[in-house]
Amino acid sequence: MEFDRKPYDGSLTAQSDYNGWKSWEVIASGERPSGKWRHAWKEKPGDDFIGFDGETCMGRIFKIEFTDADERWYWLISADGSPRLGWPAAGYEASARSAACRVERIYFALVKGEERIVYG
């Protein structure tokens, strides 16, 4: 199998301030996750974590390393079948802290029933 090695064209961040998020949605440098985060696999500790709000799983973050790419931490919101209210269910951030904060922001917005507001 061969992969086409085209340079990144910025399409994931088109019409946004960073990473597809608007300026009011960017994770601030001092923001810290408030949930309980633990390794996803007890027998294989590494760069893969699951976040909890009490006993409820909020989501997962994990690191994938690419050749010639910056560090990326992917995040996934736990799927329970409830409406997404305009929020994405997955994405990536530049650090584990940012990815955990992103999961928590979206999770708590969904718990409150808050729709995502995106202006043109």
PDB file of N, CA and C in Angstrom:
ATOM      1  N   MET A   1       0.836  -1.169   0.000  1.00  0.00           N
ATOM      2  CA  MET A   1       0.000   0.000   0.000  1.00  0.00           C
ATOM      3  C   MET A   1       0.885   1.238   0.000  1.00  0.00           C
ATOM      4  N   GLU A   2       0.553   2.215  -0.804  1.00  0.00           N
ATOM      5  CA  GLU A   2       1.299   3.468  -0.836  1.00  0.00           C
ATOM      6  C   GLU A   2       0.394   4.622  -0.444  1.00  0.00           C
ATOM      7  N   PHE A   3       0.991   5.601   0.227  1.00  0.00           N
ATOM      8  CA  PHE A   3       0.262   6.789   0.619  1.00  0.00           C
ATOM      9  C   PHE A   3       0.748   7.975  -0.186  1.00  0.00           C
ATOM     10  N   ASP A   4      -0.176   8.795  -0.612  1.00  0.00           N
ATOM     11  CA  ASP A   4       0.166  10.013  -1.326  1.00  0.00           C
ATOM     12  C   ASP A   4       0.680  11.027  -0.311  1.00  0.00           C
ATOM     13  N   ARG A   5       1.892  11.502  -0.459  1.00  0.00           N
ATOM     14  CA  ARG A   5       2.493  12.420   0.508  1.00  0.00           C
ATOM     15  C   ARG A   5       2.317  13.862   0.091  1.00  0.00           C
ATOM     16  N   LYS A   6       1.079  14.301   0.018  1.00  0.00           N
ATOM     17  CA  LYS A   6       0.794  15.696  -0.319  1.00  0.00           C
ATOM     18  C   LYS A   6       1.031  16.567   0.909  1.00  0.00           C
ATOM     19  N   PRO A   7       1.528  17.771   0.716  1.00  0.00           N
ATOM     20  CA  PRO A   7       1.683  18.668   1.871  1.00  0.00           C
ATOM     21  C   PRO A   7       0.318  19.070   2.412  1.00  0.00           C
ATOM     22  N   TYR A   8       0.259  19.287   3.712  1.00  0.00           N
ATOM     23  CA  TYR A   8      -0.993  19.700   4.352  1.00  0.00           C
ATOM     24  C   TYR A   8      -1.440  21.049   3.801  1.00  0.00           C
ATOM     25  N   ASP A   9      -2.693  21.136   3.383  1.00  0.00           N
ATOM     26  CA  ASP A   9      -3.203  22.348   2.744  1.00  0.00           C
ATOM     27  C   ASP A   9      -3.986  23.260   3.676  1.00  0.00           C
ATOM     28  N   GLY A  10      -4.069  22.909   4.944  1.00  0.00           N
ATOM     29  CA  GLY A  10      -4.792  23.751   5.891  1.00  0.00           C
ATOM     30  C   GLY A  10      -6.298  23.552   5.861  1.00  0.00           C
ATOM     31  N   SER A  11      -6.788  22.561   5.162  1.00  0.00           N
ATOM     32  CA  SER A  11      -8.231  22.399   4.996  1.00  0.00           C
ATOM     33  C   SER A  11      -8.969  22.124   6.295  1.00  0.00           C
ATOM     34  N   LEU A  12      -8.306  21.515   7.293  1.00  0.00           N
ATOM     35  CA  LEU A  12      -8.983  21.262   8.562  1.00  0.00           C
ATOM     36  C   LEU A  12      -9.199  22.532   9.365  1.00  0.00           C
ATOM     37  N   THR A  13      -8.450  23.559   9.068  1.00  0.00           N
ATOM     38  CA  THR A  13      -8.580  24.799   9.822  1.00  0.00           C
ATOM     39  C   THR A  13      -9.163  25.931   8.973  1.00  0.00           C
ATOM     40  N   ALA A  14      -9.670  25.614   7.827  1.00  0.00           N
ATOM     41  CA  ALA A  14     -10.223  26.645   6.950  1.00  0.00           C
ATOM     42  C   ALA A  14     -11.352  27.400   7.643  1.00  0.00           C
ATOM     43  N   GLN A  15     -11.387  28.684   7.454  1.00  0.00           N
ATOM     44  CA  GLN A  15     -12.412  29.576   7.999  1.00  0.00           C
ATOM     45  C   GLN A  15     -12.528  29.482   9.516  1.00  0.00           C
ATOM     46  N   SER A  16     -11.412  29.314  10.193  1.00  0.00           N
ATOM     47  CA  SER A  16     -11.427  29.270  11.648  1.00  0.00           C
ATOM     48  C   SER A  16     -10.132  29.856  12.179  1.00  0.00           C
ATOM     49  N   ASP A  17     -10.094  30.058  13.490  1.00  0.00           N
ATOM     50  CA  ASP A  17      -8.906  30.599  14.118  1.00  0.00           C
ATOM     51  C   ASP A  17      -7.859  29.517  14.366  1.00  0.00           C
ATOM     52  N   TYR A  18      -8.269  28.349  14.820  1.00  0.00           N
ATOM     53  CA  TYR A  18      -7.335  27.266  15.081  1.00  0.00           C
ATOM     54  C   TYR A  18      -8.076  25.937  15.082  1.00  0.00           C
ATOM     55  N   ASN A  19      -7.588  25.003  14.323  1.00  0.00           N
ATOM     56  CA  ASN A  19      -8.036  23.625  14.430  1.00  0.00           C
ATOM     57  C   ASN A  19      -9.539  23.441  14.242  1.00  0.00           C
ATOM     58  N   GLY A  20     -10.159  24.310  13.484  1.00  0.00           N
ATOM     59  CA  GLY A  20     -11.594  24.195  13.259  1.00  0.00           C
ATOM     60  C   GLY A  20     -12.454  24.854  14.316  1.00  0.00           C
ATOM     61  N   TRP A  21     -11.849  25.438  15.353  1.00  0.00           N
ATOM     62  CA  TRP A  21     -12.596  26.080  16.434  1.00  0.00           C
ATOM     63  C   TRP A  21     -12.556  27.590  16.255  1.00  0.00           C
ATOM     64  N   LYS A  22     -13.604  28.250  16.600  1.00  0.00           N
ATOM     65  CA  LYS A  22     -13.658  29.715  16.576  1.00  0.00           C
ATOM     66  C   LYS A  22     -12.907  30.259  17.788  1.00  0.00           C
ATOM     67  N   SER A  23     -12.593  31.536  17.765  1.00  0.00           N
ATOM     68  CA  SER A  23     -11.759  32.121  18.817  1.00  0.00           C
ATOM     69  C   SER A  23     -12.354  31.945  20.218  1.00  0.00           C
ATOM     70  N   TRP A  24     -13.671  31.989  20.357  1.00  0.00           N
ATOM     71  CA  TRP A  24     -14.286  31.840  21.669  1.00  0.00           C
ATOM     72  C   TRP A  24     -14.310  30.377  22.132  1.00  0.00           C
ATOM     73  N   GLU A  25     -13.891  29.447  21.272  1.00  0.00           N
ATOM     74  CA  GLU A  25     -13.871  28.026  21.626  1.00  0.00           C
ATOM     75  C   GLU A  25     -12.463  27.481  21.867  1.00  0.00           C
ATOM     76  N   VAL A  26     -11.445  28.277  21.632  1.00  0.00           N
ATOM     77  CA  VAL A  26     -10.064  27.825  21.779  1.00  0.00           C
ATOM     78  C   VAL A  26      -9.777  27.538  23.261  1.00  0.00           C
ATOM     79  N   ILE A  27      -9.031  26.476  23.530  1.00  0.00           N
ATOM     80  CA  ILE A  27      -8.646  26.115  24.896  1.00  0.00           C
ATOM     81  C   ILE A  27      -7.540  27.075  25.344  1.00  0.00           C
ATOM     82  N   ALA A  28      -7.783  27.787  26.438  1.00  0.00           N
ATOM     83  CA  ALA A  28      -6.808  28.748  26.961  1.00  0.00           C
ATOM     84  C   ALA A  28      -5.613  28.019  27.567  1.00  0.00           C
ATOM     85  N   SER A  29      -4.452  28.657  27.543  1.00  0.00           N
ATOM     86  CA  SER A  29      -3.223  28.005  28.010  1.00  0.00           C
ATOM     87  C   SER A  29      -3.283  27.610  29.478  1.00  0.00           C
ATOM     88  N   GLY A  30      -4.033  28.309  30.301  1.00  0.00           N
ATOM     89  CA  GLY A  30      -4.108  27.982  31.727  1.00  0.00           C
ATOM     90  C   GLY A  30      -5.242  27.033  32.092  1.00  0.00           C
ATOM     91  N   GLU A  31      -6.076  26.674  31.124  1.00  0.00           N
ATOM     92  CA  GLU A  31      -7.218  25.800  31.409  1.00  0.00           C
ATOM     93  C   GLU A  31      -6.747  24.382  31.725  1.00  0.00           C
ATOM     94  N   ARG A  32      -7.352  23.785  32.732  1.00  0.00           N
ATOM     95  CA  ARG A  32      -6.986  22.439  33.157  1.00  0.00           C
ATOM     96  C   ARG A  32      -8.239  21.563  33.224  1.00  0.00           C
ATOM     97  N   PRO A  33      -8.114  20.276  32.896  1.00  0.00           N
ATOM     98  CA  PRO A  33      -9.263  19.386  33.015  1.00  0.00           C
ATOM     99  C   PRO A  33      -9.669  19.202  34.475  1.00  0.00           C
ATOM    100  N   SER A  34     -10.953  19.017  34.716  1.00  0.00           N
ATOM    101  CA  SER A  34     -11.448  18.867  36.086  1.00  0.00           C
ATOM    102  C   SER A  34     -11.893  17.444  36.399  1.00  0.00           C
ATOM    103  N   GLY A  35     -12.061  16.611  35.380  1.00  0.00           N
ATOM    104  CA  GLY A  35     -12.522  15.235  35.578  1.00  0.00           C
ATOM    105  C   GLY A  35     -11.400  14.323  36.033  1.00  0.00           C
ATOM    106  N   LYS A  36     -11.749  13.067  36.225  1.00  0.00           N
ATOM    107  CA  LYS A  36     -10.772  12.027  36.578  1.00  0.00           C
ATOM    108  C   LYS A  36     -10.355  11.328  35.296  1.00  0.00           C
ATOM    109  N   TRP A  37      -9.062  11.346  34.993  1.00  0.00           N
ATOM    110  CA  TRP A  37      -8.529  10.726  33.779  1.00  0.00           C
ATOM    111  C   TRP A  37      -7.612   9.584  34.183  1.00  0.00           C
ATOM    112  N   ARG A  38      -7.790   8.425  33.541  1.00  0.00           N
ATOM    113  CA  ARG A  38      -6.944   7.261  33.833  1.00  0.00           C
ATOM    114  C   ARG A  38      -6.568   6.573  32.531  1.00  0.00           C
ATOM    115  N   HIS A  39      -5.540   5.732  32.600  1.00  0.00           N
ATOM    116  CA  HIS A  39      -5.121   4.979  31.408  1.00  0.00           C
ATOM    117  C   HIS A  39      -6.276   4.115  30.904  1.00  0.00           C
ATOM    118  N   ALA A  40      -6.425   4.081  29.598  1.00  0.00           N
ATOM    119  CA  ALA A  40      -7.498   3.290  28.999  1.00  0.00           C
ATOM    120  C   ALA A  40      -7.263   1.790  29.171  1.00  0.00           C
ATOM    121  N   TRP A  41      -6.006   1.387  29.172  1.00  0.00           N
ATOM    122  CA  TRP A  41      -5.659  -0.030  29.258  1.00  0.00           C
ATOM    123  C   TRP A  41      -4.723  -0.234  30.437  1.00  0.00           C
ATOM    124  N   LYS A  42      -5.207  -0.834  31.503  1.00  0.00           N
ATOM    125  CA  LYS A  42      -4.389  -1.045  32.705  1.00  0.00           C
ATOM    126  C   LYS A  42      -3.124  -1.840  32.404  1.00  0.00           C
ATOM    127  N   GLU A  43      -3.253  -2.826  31.523  1.00  0.00           N
ATOM    128  CA  GLU A  43      -2.111  -3.683  31.222  1.00  0.00           C
ATOM    129  C   GLU A  43      -1.134  -3.052  30.243  1.00  0.00           C
ATOM    130  N   LYS A  44      -1.496  -1.922  29.677  1.00  0.00           N
ATOM    131  CA  LYS A  44      -0.639  -1.277  28.684  1.00  0.00           C
ATOM    132  C   LYS A  44      -0.672   0.246  28.867  1.00  0.00           C
ATOM    133  N   PRO A  45      -0.048   0.746  29.948  1.00  0.00           N
ATOM    134  CA  PRO A  45      -0.046   2.192  30.146  1.00  0.00           C
ATOM    135  C   PRO A  45       0.679   2.894  29.002  1.00  0.00           C
ATOM    136  N   GLY A  46       0.209   4.041  28.660  1.00  0.00           N
ATOM    137  CA  GLY A  46       0.822   4.798  27.571  1.00  0.00           C
ATOM    138  C   GLY A  46       0.017   6.059  27.319  1.00  0.00           C
ATOM    139  N   ASP A  47      -0.004   6.492  26.093  1.00  0.00           N
ATOM    140  CA  ASP A  47      -0.668   7.739  25.725  1.00  0.00           C
ATOM    141  C   ASP A  47      -2.108   7.489  25.272  1.00  0.00           C
ATOM    142  N   ASP A  48      -2.914   6.915  26.162  1.00  0.00           N
ATOM    143  CA  ASP A  48      -4.300   6.583  25.870  1.00  0.00           C
ATOM    144  C   ASP A  48      -5.072   6.663  27.189  1.00  0.00           C
ATOM    145  N   PHE A  49      -6.023   7.609  27.289  1.00  0.00           N
ATOM    146  CA  PHE A  49      -6.704   7.883  28.551  1.00  0.00           C
ATOM    147  C   PHE A  49      -8.211   7.973  28.362  1.00  0.00           C
ATOM    148  N   ILE A  50      -8.940   7.637  29.427  1.00  0.00           N
ATOM    149  CA  ILE A  50     -10.388   7.770  29.463  1.00  0.00           C
ATOM    150  C   ILE A  50     -10.726   8.720  30.601  1.00  0.00           C
ATOM    151  N   GLY A  51     -11.660   9.658  30.342  1.00  0.00           N
ATOM    152  CA  GLY A  51     -12.057  10.642  31.338  1.00  0.00           C
ATOM    153  C   GLY A  51     -13.431  10.340  31.911  1.00  0.00           C
ATOM    154  N   PHE A  52     -13.563  10.547  33.228  1.00  0.00           N
ATOM    155  CA  PHE A  52     -14.818  10.264  33.921  1.00  0.00           C
ATOM    156  C   PHE A  52     -15.323  11.485  34.673  1.00  0.00           C
ATOM    157  N   ASP A  53     -16.642  11.623  34.673  1.00  0.00           N
ATOM    158  CA  ASP A  53     -17.367  12.578  35.507  1.00  0.00           C
ATOM    159  C   ASP A  53     -18.120  11.712  36.504  1.00  0.00           C
ATOM    160  N   GLY A  54     -17.544  11.507  37.687  1.00  0.00           N
ATOM    161  CA  GLY A  54     -18.108  10.536  38.615  1.00  0.00           C
ATOM    162  C   GLY A  54     -17.925   9.145  38.030  1.00  0.00           C
ATOM    163  N   GLU A  55     -19.028   8.434  37.809  1.00  0.00           N
ATOM    164  CA  GLU A  55     -18.984   7.096  37.219  1.00  0.00           C
ATOM    165  C   GLU A  55     -19.235   7.115  35.714  1.00  0.00           C
ATOM    166  N   THR A  56     -19.554   8.283  35.166  1.00  0.00           N
ATOM    167  CA  THR A  56     -19.899   8.394  33.748  1.00  0.00           C
ATOM    168  C   THR A  56     -18.668   8.673  32.904  1.00  0.00           C
ATOM    169  N   CYS A  57     -18.487   7.887  31.856  1.00  0.00           N
ATOM    170  CA  CYS A  57     -17.376   8.096  30.926  1.00  0.00           C
ATOM    171  C   CYS A  57     -17.701   9.289  30.022  1.00  0.00           C
ATOM    172  N   MET A  58     -16.814  10.289  30.028  1.00  0.00           N
ATOM    173  CA  MET A  58     -17.001  11.467  29.175  1.00  0.00           C
ATOM    174  C   MET A  58     -16.440  11.229  27.785  1.00  0.00           C
ATOM    175  N   GLY A  59     -15.279  10.584  27.724  1.00  0.00           N
ATOM    176  CA  GLY A  59     -14.630  10.378  26.436  1.00  0.00           C
ATOM    177  C   GLY A  59     -13.232   9.839  26.594  1.00  0.00           C
ATOM    178  N   ARG A  60     -12.549   9.821  25.491  1.00  0.00           N
ATOM    179  CA  ARG A  60     -11.208   9.231  25.429  1.00  0.00           C
ATOM    180  C   ARG A  60     -10.277  10.168  24.675  1.00  0.00           C
ATOM    181  N   ILE A  61      -9.015  10.187  25.096  1.00  0.00           N
ATOM    182  CA  ILE A  61      -7.972  10.909  24.366  1.00  0.00           C
ATOM    183  C   ILE A  61      -6.813   9.951  24.141  1.00  0.00           C
ATOM    184  N   PHE A  62      -6.156  10.072  22.999  1.00  0.00           N
ATOM    185  CA  PHE A  62      -5.010   9.217  22.720  1.00  0.00           C
ATOM    186  C   PHE A  62      -4.105   9.900  21.707  1.00  0.00           C
ATOM    187  N   LYS A  63      -2.831   9.596  21.807  1.00  0.00           N
ATOM    188  CA  LYS A  63      -1.830  10.213  20.953  1.00  0.00           C
ATOM    189  C   LYS A  63      -1.528   9.313  19.767  1.00  0.00           C
ATOM    190  N   ILE A  64      -1.474   9.928  18.606  1.00  0.00           N
ATOM    191  CA  ILE A  64      -1.046   9.218  17.404  1.00  0.00           C
ATOM    192  C   ILE A  64       0.115  10.001  16.826  1.00  0.00           C
ATOM    193  N   GLU A  65       1.191   9.314  16.549  1.00  0.00           N
ATOM    194  CA  GLU A  65       2.362   9.977  15.989  1.00  0.00           C
ATOM    195  C   GLU A  65       2.393   9.785  14.487  1.00  0.00           C
ATOM    196  N   PHE A  66       2.557  10.876  13.790  1.00  0.00           N
ATOM    197  CA  PHE A  66       2.673  10.859  12.347  1.00  0.00           C
ATOM    198  C   PHE A  66       4.080  11.262  11.958  1.00  0.00           C
ATOM    199  N   THR A  67       4.547  10.774  10.860  1.00  0.00           N
ATOM    200  CA  THR A  67       5.829  11.218  10.332  1.00  0.00           C
ATOM    201  C   THR A  67       5.649  12.628   9.804  1.00  0.00           C
ATOM    202  N   ASP A  68       6.575  13.493  10.056  1.00  0.00           N
ATOM    203  CA  ASP A  68       6.545  14.880   9.577  1.00  0.00           C
ATOM    204  C   ASP A  68       5.301  15.647  10.021  1.00  0.00           C
ATOM    205  N   ALA A  69       4.801  15.363  11.200  1.00  0.00           N
ATOM    206  CA  ALA A  69       3.626  16.088  11.700  1.00  0.00           C
ATOM    207  C   ALA A  69       3.853  16.463  13.155  1.00  0.00           C
ATOM    208  N   ASP A  70       3.166  17.493  13.581  1.00  0.00           N
ATOM    209  CA  ASP A  70       3.212  17.877  14.984  1.00  0.00           C
ATOM    210  C   ASP A  70       2.520  16.808  15.819  1.00  0.00           C
ATOM    211  N   GLU A  71       2.790  16.847  17.109  1.00  0.00           N
ATOM    212  CA  GLU A  71       2.098  15.945  18.021  1.00  0.00           C
ATOM    213  C   GLU A  71       0.605  16.220  17.931  1.00  0.00           C
ATOM    214  N   ARG A  72      -0.182  15.167  17.892  1.00  0.00           N
ATOM    215  CA  ARG A  72      -1.631  15.323  17.866  1.00  0.00           C
ATOM    216  C   ARG A  72      -2.262  14.356  18.855  1.00  0.00           C
ATOM    217  N   TRP A  73      -3.151  14.896  19.645  1.00  0.00           N
ATOM    218  CA  TRP A  73      -3.930  14.092  20.571  1.00  0.00           C
ATOM    219  C   TRP A  73      -5.359  14.070  20.060  1.00  0.00           C
ATOM    220  N   TYR A  74      -5.822  12.891  19.725  1.00  0.00           N
ATOM    221  CA  TYR A  74      -7.193  12.730  19.249  1.00  0.00           C
ATOM    222  C   TYR A  74      -8.120  12.554  20.435  1.00  0.00           C
ATOM    223  N   TRP A  75      -9.331  13.029  20.278  1.00  0.00           N
ATOM    224  CA  TRP A  75     -10.319  12.902  21.333  1.00  0.00           C
ATOM    225  C   TRP A  75     -11.631  12.404  20.745  1.00  0.00           C
ATOM    226  N   LEU A  76     -12.359  11.682  21.581  1.00  0.00           N
ATOM    227  CA  LEU A  76     -13.661  11.134  21.211  1.00  0.00           C
ATOM    228  C   LEU A  76     -14.622  11.362  22.370  1.00  0.00           C
ATOM    229  N   ILE A  77     -15.819  11.806  22.065  1.00  0.00           N
ATOM    230  CA  ILE A  77     -16.868  11.940  23.077  1.00  0.00           C
ATOM    231  C   ILE A  77     -17.579  10.593  23.174  1.00  0.00           C
ATOM    232  N   SER A  78     -17.893  10.150  24.374  1.00  0.00           N
ATOM    233  CA  SER A  78     -18.616   8.891  24.532  1.00  0.00           C
ATOM    234  C   SER A  78     -19.962   8.988  23.831  1.00  0.00           C
ATOM    235  N   ALA A  79     -20.275   7.962  23.086  1.00  0.00           N
ATOM    236  CA  ALA A  79     -21.530   7.942  22.320  1.00  0.00           C
ATOM    237  C   ALA A  79     -22.603   7.238  23.135  1.00  0.00           C
ATOM    238  N   ASP A  80     -23.604   7.997  23.536  1.00  0.00           N
ATOM    239  CA  ASP A  80     -24.707   7.397  24.288  1.00  0.00           C
ATOM    240  C   ASP A  80     -26.028   7.508  23.522  1.00  0.00           C
ATOM    241  N   GLY A  81     -25.952   7.987  22.298  1.00  0.00           N
ATOM    242  CA  GLY A  81     -27.146   8.091  21.476  1.00  0.00           C
ATOM    243  C   GLY A  81     -27.911   9.393  21.624  1.00  0.00           C
ATOM    244  N   SER A  82     -27.467  10.274  22.520  1.00  0.00           N
ATOM    245  CA  SER A  82     -28.171  11.543  22.685  1.00  0.00           C
ATOM    246  C   SER A  82     -27.808  12.503  21.556  1.00  0.00           C
ATOM    247  N   PRO A  83     -28.641  13.508  21.311  1.00  0.00           N
ATOM    248  CA  PRO A  83     -28.365  14.462  20.228  1.00  0.00           C
ATOM    249  C   PRO A  83     -27.036  15.184  20.436  1.00  0.00           C
ATOM    250  N   ARG A  84     -26.342  15.461  19.352  1.00  0.00           N
ATOM    251  CA  ARG A  84     -25.021  16.111  19.411  1.00  0.00           C
ATOM    252  C   ARG A  84     -25.152  17.623  19.561  1.00  0.00           C
ATOM    253  N   LEU A  85     -26.294  18.207  19.227  1.00  0.00           N
ATOM    254  CA  LEU A  85     -26.554  19.641  19.379  1.00  0.00           C
ATOM    255  C   LEU A  85     -25.517  20.510  18.661  1.00  0.00           C
ATOM    256  N   GLY A  86     -25.012  20.023  17.555  1.00  0.00           N
ATOM    257  CA  GLY A  86     -24.044  20.784  16.762  1.00  0.00           C
ATOM    258  C   GLY A  86     -22.590  20.586  17.172  1.00  0.00           C
ATOM    259  N   TRP A  87     -22.353  19.840  18.247  1.00  0.00           N
ATOM    260  CA  TRP A  87     -20.991  19.596  18.724  1.00  0.00           C
ATOM    261  C   TRP A  87     -20.391  18.407  17.980  1.00  0.00           C
ATOM    262  N   PRO A  88     -19.109  18.470  17.628  1.00  0.00           N
ATOM    263  CA  PRO A  88     -18.478  17.309  16.997  1.00  0.00           C
ATOM    264  C   PRO A  88     -18.295  16.190  18.010  1.00  0.00           C
ATOM    265  N   ALA A  89     -18.211  14.971  17.534  1.00  0.00           N
ATOM    266  CA  ALA A  89     -18.019  13.813  18.403  1.00  0.00           C
ATOM    267  C   ALA A  89     -16.552  13.406  18.505  1.00  0.00           C
ATOM    268  N   ALA A  90     -15.702  13.977  17.653  1.00  0.00           N
ATOM    269  CA  ALA A  90     -14.286  13.622  17.651  1.00  0.00           C
ATOM    270  C   ALA A  90     -13.487  14.747  17.016  1.00  0.00           C
ATOM    271  N   GLY A  91     -12.195  14.771  17.313  1.00  0.00           N
ATOM    272  CA  GLY A  91     -11.307  15.775  16.729  1.00  0.00           C
ATOM    273  C   GLY A  91      -9.906  15.592  17.277  1.00  0.00           C
ATOM    274  N   TYR A  92      -9.098  16.621  17.157  1.00  0.00           N
ATOM    275  CA  TYR A  92      -7.744  16.534  17.698  1.00  0.00           C
ATOM    276  C   TYR A  92      -7.307  17.875  18.253  1.00  0.00           C
ATOM    277  N   GLU A  93      -6.340  17.818  19.148  1.00  0.00           N
ATOM    278  CA  GLU A  93      -5.731  18.996  19.758  1.00  0.00           C
ATOM    279  C   GLU A  93      -4.223  18.780  19.787  1.00  0.00           C
ATOM    280  N   ALA A  94      -3.497  19.824  20.123  1.00  0.00           N
ATOM    281  CA  ALA A  94      -2.039  19.772  20.105  1.00  0.00           C
ATOM    282  C   ALA A  94      -1.423  19.149  21.351  1.00  0.00           C
ATOM    283  N   SER A  95      -2.216  18.968  22.428  1.00  0.00           N
ATOM    284  CA  SER A  95      -1.660  18.397  23.654  1.00  0.00           C
ATOM    285  C   SER A  95      -2.718  17.566  24.366  1.00  0.00           C
ATOM    286  N   ALA A  96      -2.256  16.729  25.296  1.00  0.00           N
ATOM    287  CA  ALA A  96      -3.179  15.921  26.088  1.00  0.00           C
ATOM    288  C   ALA A  96      -4.080  16.815  26.932  1.00  0.00           C
ATOM    289  N   ARG A  97      -3.503  17.863  27.513  1.00  0.00           N
ATOM    290  CA  ARG A  97      -4.282  18.787  28.341  1.00  0.00           C
ATOM    291  C   ARG A  97      -5.402  19.417  27.531  1.00  0.00           C
ATOM    292  N   SER A  98      -5.075  19.905  26.346  1.00  0.00           N
ATOM    293  CA  SER A  98      -6.088  20.535  25.491  1.00  0.00           C
ATOM    294  C   SER A  98      -7.148  19.534  25.056  1.00  0.00           C
ATOM    295  N   ALA A  99      -6.745  18.323  24.734  1.00  0.00           N
ATOM    296  CA  ALA A  99      -7.706  17.300  24.307  1.00  0.00           C
ATOM    297  C   ALA A  99      -8.653  16.937  25.450  1.00  0.00           C
ATOM    298  N   ALA A 100      -8.115  16.797  26.663  1.00  0.00           N
ATOM    299  CA  ALA A 100      -8.963  16.480  27.820  1.00  0.00           C
ATOM    300  C   ALA A 100      -9.928  17.635  28.102  1.00  0.00           C
ATOM    301  N   CYS A 101      -9.436  18.858  28.016  1.00  0.00           N
ATOM    302  CA  CYS A 101     -10.303  20.026  28.214  1.00  0.00           C
ATOM    303  C   CYS A 101     -11.394  20.077  27.151  1.00  0.00           C
ATOM    304  N   ARG A 102     -11.064  19.748  25.914  1.00  0.00           N
ATOM    305  CA  ARG A 102     -12.047  19.752  24.827  1.00  0.00           C
ATOM    306  C   ARG A 102     -13.152  18.734  25.091  1.00  0.00           C
ATOM    307  N   VAL A 103     -12.751  17.515  25.491  1.00  0.00           N
ATOM    308  CA  VAL A 103     -13.736  16.482  25.815  1.00  0.00           C
ATOM    309  C   VAL A 103     -14.661  16.983  26.922  1.00  0.00           C
ATOM    310  N   GLU A 104     -14.079  17.544  27.976  1.00  0.00           N
ATOM    311  CA  GLU A 104     -14.886  18.009  29.102  1.00  0.00           C
ATOM    312  C   GLU A 104     -15.810  19.150  28.703  1.00  0.00           C
ATOM    313  N   ARG A 105     -15.335  20.099  27.934  1.00  0.00           N
ATOM    314  CA  ARG A 105     -16.185  21.212  27.495  1.00  0.00           C
ATOM    315  C   ARG A 105     -17.407  20.712  26.734  1.00  0.00           C
ATOM    316  N   ILE A 106     -17.155  19.815  25.786  1.00  0.00           N
ATOM    317  CA  ILE A 106     -18.263  19.307  24.966  1.00  0.00           C
ATOM    318  C   ILE A 106     -19.185  18.439  25.816  1.00  0.00           C
ATOM    319  N   TYR A 107     -18.618  17.572  26.620  1.00  0.00           N
ATOM    320  CA  TYR A 107     -19.424  16.708  27.478  1.00  0.00           C
ATOM    321  C   TYR A 107     -20.354  17.537  28.368  1.00  0.00           C
ATOM    322  N   PHE A 108     -19.807  18.525  29.085  1.00  0.00           N
ATOM    323  CA  PHE A 108     -20.625  19.321  29.999  1.00  0.00           C
ATOM    324  C   PHE A 108     -21.652  20.174  29.255  1.00  0.00           C
ATOM    325  N   ALA A 109     -21.315  20.638  28.056  1.00  0.00           N
ATOM    326  CA  ALA A 109     -22.294  21.375  27.238  1.00  0.00           C
ATOM    327  C   ALA A 109     -23.456  20.446  26.860  1.00  0.00           C
ATOM    328  N   LEU A 110     -23.135  19.211  26.493  1.00  0.00           N
ATOM    329  CA  LEU A 110     -24.181  18.248  26.137  1.00  0.00           C
ATOM    330  C   LEU A 110     -25.045  17.891  27.345  1.00  0.00           C
ATOM    331  N   VAL A 111     -24.425  17.731  28.520  1.00  0.00           N
ATOM    332  CA  VAL A 111     -25.174  17.428  29.741  1.00  0.00           C
ATOM    333  C   VAL A 111     -26.161  18.557  30.047  1.00  0.00           C
ATOM    334  N   LYS A 112     -25.730  19.799  29.823  1.00  0.00           N
ATOM    335  CA  LYS A 112     -26.597  20.956  30.067  1.00  0.00           C
ATOM    336  C   LYS A 112     -27.610  21.193  28.951  1.00  0.00           C
ATOM    337  N   GLY A 113     -27.433  20.492  27.826  1.00  0.00           N
ATOM    338  CA  GLY A 113     -28.340  20.684  26.693  1.00  0.00           C
ATOM    339  C   GLY A 113     -28.026  21.932  25.891  1.00  0.00           C
ATOM    340  N   GLU A 114     -26.772  22.409  25.966  1.00  0.00           N
ATOM    341  CA  GLU A 114     -26.360  23.616  25.248  1.00  0.00           C
ATOM    342  C   GLU A 114     -25.974  23.289  23.802  1.00  0.00           C
ATOM    343  N   GLU A 115     -26.565  24.001  22.887  1.00  0.00           N
ATOM    344  CA  GLU A 115     -26.200  23.833  21.473  1.00  0.00           C
ATOM    345  C   GLU A 115     -24.919  24.603  21.185  1.00  0.00           C
ATOM    346  N   ARG A 116     -24.170  24.118  20.222  1.00  0.00           N
ATOM    347  CA  ARG A 116     -22.962  24.828  19.781  1.00  0.00           C
ATOM    348  C   ARG A 116     -23.393  25.999  18.905  1.00  0.00           C
ATOM    349  N   ILE A 117     -22.853  27.164  19.200  1.00  0.00           N
ATOM    350  CA  ILE A 117     -23.158  28.367  18.423  1.00  0.00           C
ATOM    351  C   ILE A 117     -21.959  28.690  17.566  1.00  0.00           C
ATOM    352  N   VAL A 118     -22.156  28.678  16.255  1.00  0.00           N
ATOM    353  CA  VAL A 118     -21.077  28.987  15.315  1.00  0.00           C
ATOM    354  C   VAL A 118     -21.581  30.058  14.385  1.00  0.00           C
ATOM    355  N   TYR A 119     -20.921  31.188  14.402  1.00  0.00           N
ATOM    356  CA  TYR A 119     -21.276  32.278  13.503  1.00  0.00           C
ATOM    357  C   TYR A 119     -20.411  32.183  12.262  1.00  0.00           C
ATOM    358  N   GLY A 120     -21.030  32.371  11.090  1.00  0.00           N
ATOM    359  CA  GLY A 120     -20.356  32.362   9.789  1.00  0.00           C
ATOM    360  C   GLY A 120     -18.964  32.674   9.784  1.00  0.00           C
TER     361      GLY A 120
END
